[in-house]
Amino acid sequence: MGPALVEQRSEPRHRITVTRATVRKQGNGSVEAILRDLSVYGCRLACTAEHPEGERVWLRLKDSLPIPATVVWNNGDHIGCRFDAPIERSLMRSLTLVIC
Protein backbone atom coordinates (compact mmCIF):
# COMPACT_ATOMS: atom_id res chain seq x y z
CA MET A 1 0.00 0.00 0.00
CA GLY A 2 1.49 3.35 -1.00
CA PRO A 3 0.77 6.82 0.33
CA ALA A 4 -2.71 8.05 -0.52
CA LEU A 5 -2.89 10.25 -3.61
CA VAL A 6 -6.23 11.64 -2.47
CA GLU A 7 -6.71 12.64 1.16
CA GLN A 8 -8.86 9.90 2.72
CA ARG A 9 -7.92 10.30 6.37
CA SER A 10 -10.60 10.86 8.99
CA GLU A 11 -8.20 13.10 10.95
CA PRO A 12 -6.05 15.79 9.34
CA ARG A 13 -2.27 15.61 9.43
CA HIS A 14 -0.64 18.52 11.27
CA ARG A 15 2.60 20.42 11.03
CA ILE A 16 4.85 19.49 13.87
CA THR A 17 7.17 21.37 16.19
CA VAL A 18 9.32 18.40 17.23
CA THR A 19 10.96 16.40 14.45
CA ARG A 20 13.26 13.95 16.25
CA ALA A 21 11.89 10.46 16.69
CA THR A 22 13.14 6.90 17.06
CA VAL A 23 11.87 3.70 15.50
CA ARG A 24 12.51 0.28 16.99
CA LYS A 25 11.48 -3.14 15.78
CA GLN A 26 11.38 -6.11 18.10
CA GLY A 27 14.81 -7.46 18.97
CA ASN A 28 16.66 -4.47 17.50
CA GLY A 29 17.99 -1.19 18.81
CA SER A 30 16.36 2.12 18.03
CA VAL A 31 17.18 4.07 14.88
CA GLU A 32 16.83 7.80 14.46
CA ALA A 33 14.05 9.14 12.26
CA ILE A 34 12.57 12.51 11.38
CA LEU A 35 8.88 13.01 12.08
CA ARG A 36 7.34 14.70 9.02
CA ASP A 37 3.64 14.80 9.85
CA LEU A 38 1.27 13.47 12.46
CA SER A 39 -2.35 12.72 13.25
CA VAL A 40 -3.85 11.02 16.29
CA TYR A 41 -3.98 7.77 14.24
CA GLY A 42 -0.58 7.72 12.55
CA CYS A 43 2.44 9.52 11.19
CA ARG A 44 4.97 9.79 8.39
CA LEU A 45 8.67 9.49 9.19
CA ALA A 46 11.83 9.95 7.16
CA CYS A 47 13.78 6.82 7.98
CA THR A 48 16.68 5.15 6.20
CA ALA A 49 16.38 1.83 8.05
CA GLU A 50 14.48 -0.94 6.28
CA HIS A 51 10.92 -1.32 7.57
CA PRO A 52 8.68 -3.39 5.27
CA GLU A 53 4.91 -2.98 5.12
CA GLY A 54 3.17 -4.86 7.91
CA GLU A 55 6.12 -4.70 10.29
CA ARG A 56 5.36 -3.91 13.96
CA VAL A 57 7.42 -1.07 15.36
CA TRP A 58 7.60 1.06 18.50
CA LEU A 59 7.97 4.81 18.08
CA ARG A 60 9.20 7.43 20.49
CA LEU A 61 8.06 10.94 19.72
CA LYS A 62 9.60 13.62 21.91
CA ASP A 63 9.69 12.12 25.43
CA SER A 64 6.69 9.81 24.96
CA LEU A 65 6.42 6.26 26.12
CA PRO A 66 6.92 3.78 23.26
CA ILE A 67 3.97 3.94 20.85
CA PRO A 68 3.15 0.62 19.15
CA ALA A 69 2.43 0.98 15.44
CA THR A 70 2.37 -0.89 12.13
CA VAL A 71 4.19 0.21 8.98
CA VAL A 72 1.49 0.60 6.31
CA TRP A 73 3.70 1.86 3.48
CA ASN A 74 7.37 2.39 2.69
CA ASN A 75 8.70 4.26 -0.33
CA GLY A 76 12.39 3.85 0.51
CA ASP A 77 12.84 7.30 2.08
CA HIS A 78 9.73 7.55 4.26
CA ILE A 79 7.47 5.17 6.15
CA GLY A 80 3.82 5.63 7.02
CA CYS A 81 2.77 4.17 10.37
CA ARG A 82 -0.66 3.52 11.86
CA PHE A 83 -0.74 3.61 15.67
CA ASP A 84 -2.33 0.63 17.41
CA ALA A 85 -4.49 3.12 19.34
CA PRO A 86 -4.97 6.86 18.88
CA ILE A 87 -2.34 8.89 20.70
CA GLU A 88 -3.33 11.10 23.61
CA ARG A 89 -4.51 14.59 22.70
CA SER A 90 -2.01 16.02 25.18
CA LEU A 91 0.88 14.40 23.24
CA MET A 92 -0.63 15.65 19.98
CA ARG A 93 -0.78 19.19 21.39
CA SER A 94 2.84 19.04 22.57
CA LEU A 95 4.06 17.97 19.11
CA THR A 96 1.97 20.17 16.83
CA LEU A 97 1.25 23.79 16.13
CA VAL A 98 -2.50 23.34 16.54
CA ILE A 99 -4.70 23.11 19.58
CA CYS A 100 -6.49 19.75 19.69
C-alpha atoms as a PDB file:
ATOM      1  CA  MET A   1       0.000   0.000   0.000  1.00  0.00           C
ATOM      2  CA  GLY A   2       1.487   3.355  -1.000  1.00  0.00           C
ATOM      3  CA  PRO A   3       0.774   6.816   0.332  1.00  0.00           C
ATOM      4  CA  ALA A   4      -2.710   8.050  -0.518  1.00  0.00           C
ATOM      5  CA  LEU A   5      -2.887  10.251  -3.607  1.00  0.00           C
ATOM      6  CA  VAL A   6      -6.231  11.636  -2.467  1.00  0.00           C
ATOM      7  CA  GLU A   7      -6.710  12.638   1.156  1.00  0.00           C
ATOM      8  CA  GLN A   8      -8.862   9.896   2.723  1.00  0.00           C
ATOM      9  CA  ARG A   9      -7.922  10.295   6.371  1.00  0.00           C
ATOM     10  CA  SER A  10     -10.595  10.862   8.986  1.00  0.00           C
ATOM     11  CA  GLU A  11      -8.199  13.096  10.954  1.00  0.00           C
ATOM     12  CA  PRO A  12      -6.048  15.790   9.340  1.00  0.00           C
ATOM     13  CA  ARG A  13      -2.272  15.608   9.430  1.00  0.00           C
ATOM     14  CA  HIS A  14      -0.639  18.516  11.268  1.00  0.00           C
ATOM     15  CA  ARG A  15       2.603  20.420  11.028  1.00  0.00           C
ATOM     16  CA  ILE A  16       4.853  19.486  13.866  1.00  0.00           C
ATOM     17  CA  THR A  17       7.168  21.372  16.195  1.00  0.00           C
ATOM     18  CA  VAL A  18       9.325  18.403  17.230  1.00  0.00           C
ATOM     19  CA  THR A  19      10.959  16.397  14.452  1.00  0.00           C
ATOM     20  CA  ARG A  20      13.260  13.946  16.252  1.00  0.00           C
ATOM     21  CA  ALA A  21      11.886  10.457  16.694  1.00  0.00           C
ATOM     22  CA  THR A  22      13.139   6.904  17.062  1.00  0.00           C
ATOM     23  CA  VAL A  23      11.868   3.698  15.502  1.00  0.00           C
ATOM     24  CA  ARG A  24      12.512   0.278  16.989  1.00  0.00           C
ATOM     25  CA  LYS A  25      11.483  -3.138  15.779  1.00  0.00           C
ATOM     26  CA  GLN A  26      11.378  -6.114  18.101  1.00  0.00           C
ATOM     27  CA  GLY A  27      14.807  -7.455  18.970  1.00  0.00           C
ATOM     28  CA  ASN A  28      16.659  -4.468  17.502  1.00  0.00           C
ATOM     29  CA  GLY A  29      17.990  -1.190  18.814  1.00  0.00           C
ATOM     30  CA  SER A  30      16.359   2.122  18.032  1.00  0.00           C
ATOM     31  CA  VAL A  31      17.181   4.066  14.885  1.00  0.00           C
ATOM     32  CA  GLU A  32      16.832   7.805  14.456  1.00  0.00           C
ATOM     33  CA  ALA A  33      14.048   9.135  12.262  1.00  0.00           C
ATOM     34  CA  ILE A  34      12.574  12.511  11.382  1.00  0.00           C
ATOM     35  CA  LEU A  35       8.882  13.013  12.075  1.00  0.00           C
ATOM     36  CA  ARG A  36       7.337  14.697   9.023  1.00  0.00           C
ATOM     37  CA  ASP A  37       3.637  14.799   9.850  1.00  0.00           C
ATOM     38  CA  LEU A  38       1.270  13.474  12.457  1.00  0.00           C
ATOM     39  CA  SER A  39      -2.355  12.722  13.248  1.00  0.00           C
ATOM     40  CA  VAL A  40      -3.850  11.021  16.285  1.00  0.00           C
ATOM     41  CA  TYR A  41      -3.979   7.774  14.238  1.00  0.00           C
ATOM     42  CA  GLY A  42      -0.585   7.718  12.546  1.00  0.00           C
ATOM     43  CA  CYS A  43       2.444   9.516  11.195  1.00  0.00           C
ATOM     44  CA  ARG A  44       4.968   9.790   8.388  1.00  0.00           C
ATOM     45  CA  LEU A  45       8.671   9.491   9.192  1.00  0.00           C
ATOM     46  CA  ALA A  46      11.827   9.952   7.164  1.00  0.00           C
ATOM     47  CA  CYS A  47      13.776   6.818   7.984  1.00  0.00           C
ATOM     48  CA  THR A  48      16.679   5.151   6.200  1.00  0.00           C
ATOM     49  CA  ALA A  49      16.383   1.825   8.048  1.00  0.00           C
ATOM     50  CA  GLU A  50      14.483  -0.937   6.284  1.00  0.00           C
ATOM     51  CA  HIS A  51      10.917  -1.320   7.572  1.00  0.00           C
ATOM     52  CA  PRO A  52       8.680  -3.389   5.272  1.00  0.00           C
ATOM     53  CA  GLU A  53       4.910  -2.982   5.121  1.00  0.00           C
ATOM     54  CA  GLY A  54       3.171  -4.860   7.907  1.00  0.00           C
ATOM     55  CA  GLU A  55       6.123  -4.697  10.294  1.00  0.00           C
ATOM     56  CA  ARG A  56       5.361  -3.915  13.956  1.00  0.00           C
ATOM     57  CA  VAL A  57       7.424  -1.067  15.362  1.00  0.00           C
ATOM     58  CA  TRP A  58       7.598   1.056  18.500  1.00  0.00           C
ATOM     59  CA  LEU A  59       7.970   4.808  18.081  1.00  0.00           C
ATOM     60  CA  ARG A  60       9.198   7.433  20.491  1.00  0.00           C
ATOM     61  CA  LEU A  61       8.055  10.941  19.723  1.00  0.00           C
ATOM     62  CA  LYS A  62       9.597  13.618  21.908  1.00  0.00           C
ATOM     63  CA  ASP A  63       9.686  12.120  25.425  1.00  0.00           C
ATOM     64  CA  SER A  64       6.691   9.808  24.958  1.00  0.00           C
ATOM     65  CA  LEU A  65       6.420   6.261  26.123  1.00  0.00           C
ATOM     66  CA  PRO A  66       6.920   3.779  23.258  1.00  0.00           C
ATOM     67  CA  ILE A  67       3.967   3.942  20.851  1.00  0.00           C
ATOM     68  CA  PRO A  68       3.146   0.619  19.148  1.00  0.00           C
ATOM     69  CA  ALA A  69       2.434   0.978  15.440  1.00  0.00           C
ATOM     70  CA  THR A  70       2.369  -0.888  12.134  1.00  0.00           C
ATOM     71  CA  VAL A  71       4.186   0.210   8.981  1.00  0.00           C
ATOM     72  CA  VAL A  72       1.488   0.596   6.309  1.00  0.00           C
ATOM     73  CA  TRP A  73       3.705   1.858   3.483  1.00  0.00           C
ATOM     74  CA  ASN A  74       7.371   2.393   2.690  1.00  0.00           C
ATOM     75  CA  ASN A  75       8.703   4.263  -0.334  1.00  0.00           C
ATOM     76  CA  GLY A  76      12.391   3.849   0.513  1.00  0.00           C
ATOM     77  CA  ASP A  77      12.843   7.302   2.078  1.00  0.00           C
ATOM     78  CA  HIS A  78       9.734   7.548   4.257  1.00  0.00           C
ATOM     79  CA  ILE A  79       7.473   5.174   6.149  1.00  0.00           C
ATOM     80  CA  GLY A  80       3.821   5.630   7.022  1.00  0.00           C
ATOM     81  CA  CYS A  81       2.770   4.171  10.370  1.00  0.00           C
ATOM     82  CA  ARG A  82      -0.659   3.518  11.861  1.00  0.00           C
ATOM     83  CA  PHE A  83      -0.743   3.614  15.666  1.00  0.00           C
ATOM     84  CA  ASP A  84      -2.332   0.635  17.415  1.00  0.00           C
ATOM     85  CA  ALA A  85      -4.491   3.117  19.338  1.00  0.00           C
ATOM     86  CA  PRO A  86      -4.968   6.856  18.879  1.00  0.00           C
ATOM     87  CA  ILE A  87      -2.340   8.887  20.702  1.00  0.00           C
ATOM     88  CA  GLU A  88      -3.326  11.097  23.610  1.00  0.00           C
ATOM     89  CA  ARG A  89      -4.512  14.586  22.696  1.00  0.00           C
ATOM     90  CA  SER A  90      -2.010  16.022  25.184  1.00  0.00           C
ATOM     91  CA  LEU A  91       0.876  14.398  23.243  1.00  0.00           C
ATOM     92  CA  MET A  92      -0.634  15.645  19.978  1.00  0.00           C
ATOM     93  CA  ARG A  93      -0.778  19.186  21.386  1.00  0.00           C
ATOM     94  CA  SER A  94       2.837  19.042  22.572  1.00  0.00           C
ATOM     95  CA  LEU A  95       4.061  17.968  19.107  1.00  0.00           C
ATOM     96  CA  THR A  96       1.972  20.165  16.826  1.00  0.00           C
ATOM     97  CA  LEU A  97       1.248  23.794  16.132  1.00  0.00           C
ATOM     98  CA  VAL A  98      -2.505  23.340  16.536  1.00  0.00           C
ATOM     99  CA  ILE A  99      -4.699  23.112  19.580  1.00  0.00           C
ATOM    100  CA  CYS A 100      -6.485  19.752  19.691  1.00  0.00           C
END
